[in-house]
Amino acid sequence: MTNLAGTYPLGTLTVNRIGFGAMQLAGPKIYGPAKDPAEASRVLQTAIEAGINHIDTSDFYGPHHVNHLICETLHPYRDGLVLVTKLGARRTPDAGWHPAQSPAELRSALEDNLRNLKRDSMDVVNLRVFSGHNPPGPGSIAERFETMLELQREGKIKHIGLSNIVQSQLEEALTMGEVVCVQNAYGVLNRADDELLELCTSKNIAFVPFFPLNGFQPLASNVLEEVAAELGATKHQIALAWLLHGPKNILLIPGTSKVAHLKENIAAAEIKLTSDQLRRLDQLAAAN
């Protein structure tokens, strides 16, 4: 059986700690269809065959193309497969990203996801707080979160998460309702949200790093290279393994459009870091 690093709850649902992020199944700039639709479909099939039961997506990937691909490849969905989407942005023909945060826009985006994924309700929906900055900075999300709660009461959302937030926004949301996950940029070279992770851990909220491999910036570190050489792994695998050695509420959703790369990401669960290697990797935060 594939080692997927154990499990953790998302509300009433349970997922393996290694999941799959579908963003890279779109075309260049996360716009348009996949360059190789057949390979993209094989990636999804391989993920499911490996036991992955947590797929992170959004209808603004493509837009629409990624959700269409997921539906075409995996529907009818295997029992226990948790599909997580996010709302809060819209795409334009120049491949631009723009906020779509009004109640009407959030509702419309959810309906797009439901239709394109052929779902009556979504397992988890993240409200992605978006204003063109990552993260956007402090400010009330009460109106937006109330819209999410309304959609939940209507039965269209089972569980609510937050994405691209600051700590005060999580604290505000928790006064209004339950939050099952937080999805923020985080990784061995990006430790800005250490305190937010600690808060999530203390409240049993799943923490789902996006850009765990440093996003669109090179994953450049001599220490990563050294540890990778010591263990016969890649630096990307070491970065994922470091996250899996952290609090058990960290869930991984590394994405790729290649089956070989997907298998490398999954294999990160087999890597055992020594206390000395963890110490050296932990110290990277001070240098970034």
C-alpha atoms as a PDB file:
ATOM      1  CA  MET A   1       0.000   0.000   0.000  1.00  0.00           C
ATOM      2  CA  THR A   2       1.293   3.448  -0.896  1.00  0.00           C
ATOM      3  CA  ASN A   3       2.564   5.454   2.050  1.00  0.00           C
ATOM      4  CA  LEU A   4       0.638   8.730   2.096  1.00  0.00           C
ATOM      5  CA  ALA A   5       1.921   9.853   5.509  1.00  0.00           C
ATOM      6  CA  GLY A   6      -1.151   9.085   7.577  1.00  0.00           C
ATOM      7  CA  THR A   7      -4.474  10.873   7.724  1.00  0.00           C
ATOM      8  CA  TYR A   8      -6.043  14.016   9.133  1.00  0.00           C
ATOM      9  CA  PRO A   9      -9.666  15.209   9.326  1.00  0.00           C
ATOM     10  CA  LEU A  10     -11.241  17.923   7.230  1.00  0.00           C
ATOM     11  CA  GLY A  11     -14.326  18.486   9.316  1.00  0.00           C
ATOM     12  CA  THR A  12     -16.296  15.228   9.174  1.00  0.00           C
ATOM     13  CA  LEU A  13     -14.122  13.961   6.310  1.00  0.00           C
ATOM     14  CA  THR A  14     -10.760  12.198   6.554  1.00  0.00           C
ATOM     15  CA  VAL A  15      -7.983  12.557   3.988  1.00  0.00           C
ATOM     16  CA  ASN A  16      -4.466  11.250   3.543  1.00  0.00           C
ATOM     17  CA  ARG A  17      -1.793  13.802   4.340  1.00  0.00           C
ATOM     18  CA  ILE A  18      -0.477  13.690   0.770  1.00  0.00           C
ATOM     19  CA  GLY A  19      -3.047  14.993  -1.688  1.00  0.00           C
ATOM     20  CA  PHE A  20      -2.886  16.488  -5.148  1.00  0.00           C
ATOM     21  CA  GLY A  21      -3.145  20.095  -6.333  1.00  0.00           C
ATOM     22  CA  ALA A  22      -4.676  20.325  -9.800  1.00  0.00           C
ATOM     23  CA  MET A  23      -3.543  23.843 -10.748  1.00  0.00           C
ATOM     24  CA  GLN A  24      -0.753  22.674 -13.073  1.00  0.00           C
ATOM     25  CA  LEU A  25      -3.197  20.662 -15.163  1.00  0.00           C
ATOM     26  CA  ALA A  26      -4.120  23.895 -16.923  1.00  0.00           C
ATOM     27  CA  GLY A  27      -2.086  25.437 -19.735  1.00  0.00           C
ATOM     28  CA  PRO A  28       0.687  28.059 -19.449  1.00  0.00           C
ATOM     29  CA  LYS A  29      -0.050  30.777 -16.874  1.00  0.00           C
ATOM     30  CA  ILE A  30      -2.722  28.426 -15.497  1.00  0.00           C
ATOM     31  CA  TYR A  31      -4.832  29.402 -18.498  1.00  0.00           C
ATOM     32  CA  GLY A  32      -6.376  27.283 -21.218  1.00  0.00           C
ATOM     33  CA  PRO A  33      -6.322  23.496 -21.514  1.00  0.00           C
ATOM     34  CA  ALA A  34      -3.430  21.224 -20.595  1.00  0.00           C
ATOM     35  CA  LYS A  35      -0.602  20.986 -23.127  1.00  0.00           C
ATOM     36  CA  ASP A  36      -0.968  17.209 -23.010  1.00  0.00           C
ATOM     37  CA  PRO A  37      -4.530  16.307 -21.976  1.00  0.00           C
ATOM     38  CA  ALA A  38      -3.851  12.563 -22.116  1.00  0.00           C
ATOM     39  CA  GLU A  39      -0.896  12.864 -19.720  1.00  0.00           C
ATOM     40  CA  ALA A  40      -2.902  15.177 -17.461  1.00  0.00           C
ATOM     41  CA  SER A  41      -5.647  12.578 -17.303  1.00  0.00           C
ATOM     42  CA  ARG A  42      -3.088   9.888 -16.489  1.00  0.00           C
ATOM     43  CA  VAL A  43      -1.800  12.034 -13.625  1.00  0.00           C
ATOM     44  CA  LEU A  44      -5.278  12.104 -12.082  1.00  0.00           C
ATOM     45  CA  GLN A  45      -5.777   8.372 -12.609  1.00  0.00           C
ATOM     46  CA  THR A  46      -2.369   7.581 -11.110  1.00  0.00           C
ATOM     47  CA  ALA A  47      -3.093   9.769  -8.089  1.00  0.00           C
ATOM     48  CA  ILE A  48      -6.302   7.891  -7.391  1.00  0.00           C
ATOM     49  CA  GLU A  49      -4.637   4.507  -7.935  1.00  0.00           C
ATOM     50  CA  ALA A  50      -1.963   5.512  -5.400  1.00  0.00           C
ATOM     51  CA  GLY A  51      -4.666   6.154  -2.802  1.00  0.00           C
ATOM     52  CA  ILE A  52      -4.763   9.936  -2.928  1.00  0.00           C
ATOM     53  CA  ASN A  53      -8.208  10.986  -1.739  1.00  0.00           C
ATOM     54  CA  HIS A  54      -7.816  14.779  -1.547  1.00  0.00           C
ATOM     55  CA  ILE A  55      -7.779  16.800  -4.771  1.00  0.00           C
ATOM     56  CA  ASP A  56      -7.524  20.569  -4.618  1.00  0.00           C
ATOM     57  CA  THR A  57      -8.928  22.463  -7.585  1.00  0.00           C
ATOM     58  CA  SER A  58     -10.807  25.591  -8.644  1.00  0.00           C
ATOM     59  CA  ASP A  59     -12.967  26.615 -11.544  1.00  0.00           C
ATOM     60  CA  PHE A  60     -10.639  29.571 -12.141  1.00  0.00           C
ATOM     61  CA  TYR A  61      -7.905  27.146 -13.173  1.00  0.00           C
ATOM     62  CA  GLY A  62      -8.188  27.330 -16.931  1.00  0.00           C
ATOM     63  CA  PRO A  63     -10.794  28.689 -16.282  1.00  0.00           C
ATOM     64  CA  HIS A  64     -13.104  25.661 -16.300  1.00  0.00           C
ATOM     65  CA  HIS A  65     -10.632  23.396 -18.120  1.00  0.00           C
ATOM     66  CA  VAL A  66      -9.199  21.713 -15.018  1.00  0.00           C
ATOM     67  CA  ASN A  67     -12.588  20.950 -13.500  1.00  0.00           C
ATOM     68  CA  HIS A  68     -13.776  19.596 -16.842  1.00  0.00           C
ATOM     69  CA  LEU A  69     -10.706  17.339 -16.948  1.00  0.00           C
ATOM     70  CA  ILE A  70     -11.258  16.112 -13.390  1.00  0.00           C
ATOM     71  CA  CYS A  71     -14.893  15.328 -14.167  1.00  0.00           C
ATOM     72  CA  GLU A  72     -14.139  13.635 -17.488  1.00  0.00           C
ATOM     73  CA  THR A  73     -11.402  11.509 -15.916  1.00  0.00           C
ATOM     74  CA  LEU A  74     -12.779  10.632 -12.488  1.00  0.00           C
ATOM     75  CA  HIS A  75     -16.580  10.917 -12.580  1.00  0.00           C
ATOM     76  CA  PRO A  76     -18.366   8.979 -11.133  1.00  0.00           C
ATOM     77  CA  TYR A  77     -16.077   9.702  -8.203  1.00  0.00           C
ATOM     78  CA  ARG A  78     -14.613   6.976  -6.036  1.00  0.00           C
ATOM     79  CA  ASP A  79     -16.113   6.736  -2.543  1.00  0.00           C
ATOM     80  CA  GLY A  80     -14.073   8.757  -0.086  1.00  0.00           C
ATOM     81  CA  LEU A  81     -12.593  11.127  -2.665  1.00  0.00           C
ATOM     82  CA  VAL A  82     -12.648  14.646  -1.225  1.00  0.00           C
ATOM     83  CA  LEU A  83     -12.790  17.464  -3.769  1.00  0.00           C
ATOM     84  CA  VAL A  84     -11.758  20.860  -2.436  1.00  0.00           C
ATOM     85  CA  THR A  85     -12.274  24.022  -4.445  1.00  0.00           C
ATOM     86  CA  LYS A  86     -11.837  27.724  -3.881  1.00  0.00           C
ATOM     87  CA  LEU A  87     -13.705  30.903  -4.728  1.00  0.00           C
ATOM     88  CA  GLY A  88     -12.680  34.534  -4.929  1.00  0.00           C
ATOM     89  CA  ALA A  89     -11.017  35.241  -8.281  1.00  0.00           C
ATOM     90  CA  ARG A  90     -11.939  35.520 -11.939  1.00  0.00           C
ATOM     91  CA  ARG A  91      -9.843  35.190 -15.076  1.00  0.00           C
ATOM     92  CA  THR A  92      -9.707  37.417 -18.138  1.00  0.00           C
ATOM     93  CA  PRO A  93      -8.666  36.511 -21.722  1.00  0.00           C
ATOM     94  CA  ASP A  94      -5.201  37.984 -21.133  1.00  0.00           C
ATOM     95  CA  ALA A  95      -4.711  35.257 -18.459  1.00  0.00           C
ATOM     96  CA  GLY A  96      -5.104  37.915 -15.771  1.00  0.00           C
ATOM     97  CA  TRP A  97      -6.266  37.327 -12.209  1.00  0.00           C
ATOM     98  CA  HIS A  98      -8.846  39.655 -10.684  1.00  0.00           C
ATOM     99  CA  PRO A  99     -10.757  39.698  -7.390  1.00  0.00           C
ATOM    100  CA  ALA A 100     -14.283  38.271  -7.447  1.00  0.00           C
ATOM    101  CA  GLN A 101     -15.261  38.706  -3.822  1.00  0.00           C
ATOM    102  CA  SER A 102     -18.831  40.018  -3.819  1.00  0.00           C
ATOM    103  CA  PRO A 103     -21.637  37.755  -2.555  1.00  0.00           C
ATOM    104  CA  ALA A 104     -23.007  37.448  -6.100  1.00  0.00           C
ATOM    105  CA  GLU A 105     -19.586  36.555  -7.528  1.00  0.00           C
ATOM    106  CA  LEU A 106     -18.938  33.957  -4.830  1.00  0.00           C
ATOM    107  CA  ARG A 107     -22.327  32.354  -5.453  1.00  0.00           C
ATOM    108  CA  SER A 108     -21.824  32.324  -9.207  1.00  0.00           C
ATOM    109  CA  ALA A 109     -18.371  30.771  -8.870  1.00  0.00           C
ATOM    110  CA  LEU A 110     -19.698  28.024  -6.621  1.00  0.00           C
ATOM    111  CA  GLU A 111     -22.404  27.190  -9.158  1.00  0.00           C
ATOM    112  CA  ASP A 112     -19.697  26.950 -11.855  1.00  0.00           C
ATOM    113  CA  ASN A 113     -17.760  24.467  -9.729  1.00  0.00           C
ATOM    114  CA  LEU A 114     -20.824  22.364  -8.993  1.00  0.00           C
ATOM    115  CA  ARG A 115     -21.851  22.252 -12.636  1.00  0.00           C
ATOM    116  CA  ASN A 116     -18.411  21.508 -14.075  1.00  0.00           C
ATOM    117  CA  LEU A 117     -17.587  18.863 -11.471  1.00  0.00           C
ATOM    118  CA  LYS A 118     -21.110  17.354 -11.597  1.00  0.00           C
ATOM    119  CA  ARG A 119     -21.623  17.737  -7.861  1.00  0.00           C
ATOM    120  CA  ASP A 120     -24.723  18.645  -5.877  1.00  0.00           C
ATOM    121  CA  SER A 121     -22.520  20.000  -3.097  1.00  0.00           C
ATOM    122  CA  MET A 122     -18.821  20.552  -2.548  1.00  0.00           C
ATOM    123  CA  ASP A 123     -16.922  18.737   0.197  1.00  0.00           C
ATOM    124  CA  VAL A 124     -14.794  21.745   1.153  1.00  0.00           C
ATOM    125  CA  VAL A 125     -14.751  25.247  -0.318  1.00  0.00           C
ATOM    126  CA  ASN A 126     -12.003  27.717   0.489  1.00  0.00           C
ATOM    127  CA  LEU A 127     -12.736  31.417   0.489  1.00  0.00           C
ATOM    128  CA  ARG A 128      -9.589  32.772  -1.133  1.00  0.00           C
ATOM    129  CA  VAL A 129      -9.074  36.311   0.072  1.00  0.00           C
ATOM    130  CA  PHE A 130      -7.751  38.030  -3.010  1.00  0.00           C
ATOM    131  CA  SER A 131      -6.920  41.617  -3.882  1.00  0.00           C
ATOM    132  CA  GLY A 132      -3.869  41.218  -6.087  1.00  0.00           C
ATOM    133  CA  HIS A 133      -1.480  40.718  -3.152  1.00  0.00           C
ATOM    134  CA  ASN A 134      -0.284  37.591  -1.330  1.00  0.00           C
ATOM    135  CA  PRO A 135      -1.488  37.761   1.360  1.00  0.00           C
ATOM    136  CA  PRO A 136      -3.794  40.783   0.969  1.00  0.00           C
ATOM    137  CA  GLY A 137      -3.239  42.118   4.469  1.00  0.00           C
ATOM    138  CA  PRO A 138      -5.611  42.697   7.369  1.00  0.00           C
ATOM    139  CA  GLY A 139      -9.227  43.620   6.830  1.00  0.00           C
ATOM    140  CA  SER A 140     -12.608  42.215   7.690  1.00  0.00           C
ATOM    141  CA  ILE A 141     -13.845  39.192   5.756  1.00  0.00           C
ATOM    142  CA  ALA A 142     -17.152  39.058   7.644  1.00  0.00           C
ATOM    143  CA  GLU A 143     -19.411  39.754   4.656  1.00  0.00           C
ATOM    144  CA  ARG A 144     -17.629  37.208   2.474  1.00  0.00           C
ATOM    145  CA  PHE A 145     -17.581  34.580   5.206  1.00  0.00           C
ATOM    146  CA  GLU A 146     -21.273  35.113   5.869  1.00  0.00           C
ATOM    147  CA  THR A 147     -21.942  34.340   2.197  1.00  0.00           C
ATOM    148  CA  MET A 148     -20.000  31.098   2.625  1.00  0.00           C
ATOM    149  CA  LEU A 149     -22.070  30.248   5.705  1.00  0.00           C
ATOM    150  CA  GLU A 150     -25.271  30.930   3.761  1.00  0.00           C
ATOM    151  CA  LEU A 151     -24.140  28.544   1.017  1.00  0.00           C
ATOM    152  CA  GLN A 152     -23.339  25.973   3.683  1.00  0.00           C
ATOM    153  CA  ARG A 153     -26.792  26.326   5.232  1.00  0.00           C
ATOM    154  CA  GLU A 154     -28.276  25.831   1.773  1.00  0.00           C
ATOM    155  CA  GLY A 155     -26.465  22.498   1.516  1.00  0.00           C
ATOM    156  CA  LYS A 156     -24.150  23.505  -1.323  1.00  0.00           C
ATOM    157  CA  ILE A 157     -21.003  23.445   0.842  1.00  0.00           C
ATOM    158  CA  LYS A 158     -20.231  20.807   3.462  1.00  0.00           C
ATOM    159  CA  HIS A 159     -17.215  22.496   5.019  1.00  0.00           C
ATOM    160  CA  ILE A 160     -15.551  25.918   4.736  1.00  0.00           C
ATOM    161  CA  GLY A 161     -11.871  26.786   4.553  1.00  0.00           C
ATOM    162  CA  LEU A 162      -9.887  29.983   4.126  1.00  0.00           C
ATOM    163  CA  SER A 163      -7.009  30.741   1.773  1.00  0.00           C
ATOM    164  CA  ASN A 164      -4.433  33.503   1.460  1.00  0.00           C
ATOM    165  CA  ILE A 165      -5.306  35.069   4.790  1.00  0.00           C
ATOM    166  CA  VAL A 166      -3.700  36.750   7.761  1.00  0.00           C
ATOM    167  CA  GLN A 167      -4.230  35.494  11.294  1.00  0.00           C
ATOM    168  CA  SER A 168      -6.766  38.160  12.275  1.00  0.00           C
ATOM    169  CA  GLN A 169      -9.027  36.988   9.445  1.00  0.00           C
ATOM    170  CA  LEU A 170      -9.026  33.425  10.736  1.00  0.00           C
ATOM    171  CA  GLU A 171      -9.770  34.691  14.228  1.00  0.00           C
ATOM    172  CA  GLU A 172     -12.686  36.765  12.883  1.00  0.00           C
ATOM    173  CA  ALA A 173     -14.110  33.828  10.920  1.00  0.00           C
ATOM    174  CA  LEU A 174     -13.956  31.534  13.951  1.00  0.00           C
ATOM    175  CA  THR A 175     -16.285  33.887  15.823  1.00  0.00           C
ATOM    176  CA  MET A 176     -18.851  33.293  13.061  1.00  0.00           C
ATOM    177  CA  GLY A 177     -18.536  29.577  12.274  1.00  0.00           C
ATOM    178  CA  GLU A 178     -16.297  26.576  11.763  1.00  0.00           C
ATOM    179  CA  VAL A 179     -13.170  26.656   9.589  1.00  0.00           C
ATOM    180  CA  VAL A 180     -11.775  23.217   8.703  1.00  0.00           C
ATOM    181  CA  CYS A 181      -8.631  24.272   6.831  1.00  0.00           C
ATOM    182  CA  VAL A 182      -6.357  27.184   6.040  1.00  0.00           C
ATOM    183  CA  GLN A 183      -4.472  27.268   2.746  1.00  0.00           C
ATOM    184  CA  ASN A 184      -1.559  29.712   2.655  1.00  0.00           C
ATOM    185  CA  ALA A 185       1.845  29.910   1.001  1.00  0.00           C
ATOM    186  CA  TYR A 186       4.315  28.070   3.228  1.00  0.00           C
ATOM    187  CA  GLY A 187       7.401  25.898   2.956  1.00  0.00           C
ATOM    188  CA  VAL A 188      10.920  25.295   4.164  1.00  0.00           C
ATOM    189  CA  LEU A 189      12.069  28.573   2.544  1.00  0.00           C
ATOM    190  CA  ASN A 190       8.910  30.524   3.415  1.00  0.00           C
ATOM    191  CA  ARG A 191       8.153  30.479   7.138  1.00  0.00           C
ATOM    192  CA  ALA A 192       6.221  33.747   7.403  1.00  0.00           C
ATOM    193  CA  ASP A 193       3.120  31.916   8.647  1.00  0.00           C
ATOM    194  CA  ASP A 194       4.713  29.956  11.490  1.00  0.00           C
ATOM    195  CA  GLU A 195       2.414  31.642  14.029  1.00  0.00           C
ATOM    196  CA  LEU A 196      -0.671  31.013  11.884  1.00  0.00           C
ATOM    197  CA  LEU A 197       0.322  27.351  11.622  1.00  0.00           C
ATOM    198  CA  GLU A 198       0.653  27.195  15.414  1.00  0.00           C
ATOM    199  CA  LEU A 199      -2.848  28.656  15.819  1.00  0.00           C
ATOM    200  CA  CYS A 200      -4.301  26.144  13.343  1.00  0.00           C
ATOM    201  CA  THR A 201      -2.540  23.287  15.122  1.00  0.00           C
ATOM    202  CA  SER A 202      -3.902  24.379  18.497  1.00  0.00           C
ATOM    203  CA  LYS A 203      -7.455  24.444  17.103  1.00  0.00           C
ATOM    204  CA  ASN A 204      -7.192  21.197  15.094  1.00  0.00           C
ATOM    205  CA  ILE A 205      -7.553  23.071  11.800  1.00  0.00           C
ATOM    206  CA  ALA A 206      -5.811  21.522   8.805  1.00  0.00           C
ATOM    207  CA  PHE A 207      -3.029  23.675   7.351  1.00  0.00           C
ATOM    208  CA  VAL A 208      -2.583  23.174   3.606  1.00  0.00           C
ATOM    209  CA  PRO A 209       0.510  24.900   2.188  1.00  0.00           C
ATOM    210  CA  PHE A 210       0.306  26.152  -1.342  1.00  0.00           C
ATOM    211  CA  PHE A 211       3.590  26.735  -3.147  1.00  0.00           C
ATOM    212  CA  PRO A 212       5.313  24.213  -0.830  1.00  0.00           C
ATOM    213  CA  LEU A 213       8.146  24.084  -3.374  1.00  0.00           C
ATOM    214  CA  ASN A 214       8.556  27.886  -3.407  1.00  0.00           C
ATOM    215  CA  GLY A 215       5.994  28.651  -6.095  1.00  0.00           C
ATOM    216  CA  PHE A 216       7.319  30.358  -9.186  1.00  0.00           C
ATOM    217  CA  GLN A 217      10.714  31.006  -7.570  1.00  0.00           C
ATOM    218  CA  PRO A 218      13.557  28.463  -7.755  1.00  0.00           C
ATOM    219  CA  LEU A 219      13.904  26.205  -4.729  1.00  0.00           C
ATOM    220  CA  ALA A 220      17.497  27.315  -4.241  1.00  0.00           C
ATOM    221  CA  SER A 221      19.359  26.239  -1.109  1.00  0.00           C
ATOM    222  CA  ASN A 222      22.730  24.616  -0.532  1.00  0.00           C
ATOM    223  CA  VAL A 223      21.353  22.922   2.580  1.00  0.00           C
ATOM    224  CA  LEU A 224      18.511  21.359   0.620  1.00  0.00           C
ATOM    225  CA  GLU A 225      21.004  20.135  -1.955  1.00  0.00           C
ATOM    226  CA  GLU A 226      23.252  18.680   0.759  1.00  0.00           C
ATOM    227  CA  VAL A 227      20.446  16.860   2.574  1.00  0.00           C
ATOM    228  CA  ALA A 228      19.094  15.568  -0.716  1.00  0.00           C
ATOM    229  CA  ALA A 229      22.521  14.154  -1.615  1.00  0.00           C
ATOM    230  CA  GLU A 230      22.826  12.510   1.809  1.00  0.00           C
ATOM    231  CA  LEU A 231      19.511  10.709   1.339  1.00  0.00           C
ATOM    232  CA  GLY A 232      19.624  10.027  -2.390  1.00  0.00           C
ATOM    233  CA  ALA A 233      16.578  12.205  -2.989  1.00  0.00           C
ATOM    234  CA  THR A 234      15.745  15.406  -4.854  1.00  0.00           C
ATOM    235  CA  LYS A 235      15.651  18.776  -3.137  1.00  0.00           C
ATOM    236  CA  HIS A 236      11.929  18.961  -3.921  1.00  0.00           C
ATOM    237  CA  GLN A 237      11.361  15.682  -2.101  1.00  0.00           C
ATOM    238  CA  ILE A 238      13.326  16.984   0.888  1.00  0.00           C
ATOM    239  CA  ALA A 239      11.178  20.144   0.994  1.00  0.00           C
ATOM    240  CA  LEU A 240       8.022  17.999   1.042  1.00  0.00           C
ATOM    241  CA  ALA A 241       9.476  15.596   3.607  1.00  0.00           C
ATOM    242  CA  TRP A 242      10.317  18.543   5.877  1.00  0.00           C
ATOM    243  CA  LEU A 243       6.654  19.550   5.863  1.00  0.00           C
ATOM    244  CA  LEU A 244       5.550  15.987   6.621  1.00  0.00           C
ATOM    245  CA  HIS A 245       7.893  15.967   9.629  1.00  0.00           C
ATOM    246  CA  GLY A 246       6.006  18.983  10.990  1.00  0.00           C
ATOM    247  CA  PRO A 247       2.660  19.091  12.804  1.00  0.00           C
ATOM    248  CA  LYS A 248       0.268  16.340  11.744  1.00  0.00           C
ATOM    249  CA  ASN A 249      -2.346  18.870  10.628  1.00  0.00           C
ATOM    250  CA  ILE A 250      -0.142  19.829   7.644  1.00  0.00           C
ATOM    251  CA  LEU A 251      -1.680  18.405   4.462  1.00  0.00           C
ATOM    252  CA  LEU A 252       0.299  18.463   1.215  1.00  0.00           C
ATOM    253  CA  ILE A 253      -1.161  19.190  -2.219  1.00  0.00           C
ATOM    254  CA  PRO A 254       1.892  19.352  -4.505  1.00  0.00           C
ATOM    255  CA  GLY A 255       0.845  19.614  -8.122  1.00  0.00           C
ATOM    256  CA  THR A 256       2.307  18.470 -11.412  1.00  0.00           C
ATOM    257  CA  SER A 257       1.307  17.662 -14.967  1.00  0.00           C
ATOM    258  CA  LYS A 258       3.648  14.640 -15.225  1.00  0.00           C
ATOM    259  CA  VAL A 259       3.097  11.133 -13.873  1.00  0.00           C
ATOM    260  CA  ALA A 260       6.805  10.680 -13.099  1.00  0.00           C
ATOM    261  CA  HIS A 261       6.864  13.849 -11.022  1.00  0.00           C
ATOM    262  CA  LEU A 262       3.686  12.808  -9.192  1.00  0.00           C
ATOM    263  CA  LYS A 263       5.374   9.559  -8.166  1.00  0.00           C
ATOM    264  CA  GLU A 264       8.426  11.485  -6.929  1.00  0.00           C
ATOM    265  CA  ASN A 265       6.196  13.698  -4.800  1.00  0.00           C
ATOM    266  CA  ILE A 266       4.413  10.698  -3.286  1.00  0.00           C
ATOM    267  CA  ALA A 267       7.760   9.040  -2.535  1.00  0.00           C
ATOM    268  CA  ALA A 268       8.631  11.967  -0.246  1.00  0.00           C
ATOM    269  CA  ALA A 269       6.520  10.224   2.413  1.00  0.00           C
ATOM    270  CA  GLU A 270       9.185   7.507   2.641  1.00  0.00           C
ATOM    271  CA  ILE A 271      11.985   9.932   3.530  1.00  0.00           C
ATOM    272  CA  LYS A 272      13.106   9.943   7.156  1.00  0.00           C
ATOM    273  CA  LEU A 273      15.006  13.055   8.171  1.00  0.00           C
ATOM    274  CA  THR A 274      17.451  12.829  11.073  1.00  0.00           C
ATOM    275  CA  SER A 275      17.347  15.321  13.926  1.00  0.00           C
ATOM    276  CA  ASP A 276      20.501  16.955  12.553  1.00  0.00           C
ATOM    277  CA  GLN A 277      19.005  17.266   9.077  1.00  0.00           C
ATOM    278  CA  LEU A 278      15.810  18.742  10.524  1.00  0.00           C
ATOM    279  CA  ARG A 279      17.845  21.248  12.528  1.00  0.00           C
ATOM    280  CA  ARG A 280      19.735  22.366   9.434  1.00  0.00           C
ATOM    281  CA  LEU A 281      16.534  22.688   7.408  1.00  0.00           C
ATOM    282  CA  ASP A 282      14.773  24.555  10.204  1.00  0.00           C
ATOM    283  CA  GLN A 283      17.583  27.098  10.241  1.00  0.00           C
ATOM    284  CA  LEU A 284      16.878  28.026   6.623  1.00  0.00           C
ATOM    285  CA  ALA A 285      14.070  30.254   7.858  1.00  0.00           C
ATOM    286  CA  ALA A 286      16.567  32.663   9.392  1.00  0.00           C
ATOM    287  CA  ALA A 287      18.364  33.018   6.062  1.00  0.00           C
ATOM    288  CA  ASN A 288      15.265  33.856   4.003  1.00  0.00           C
END
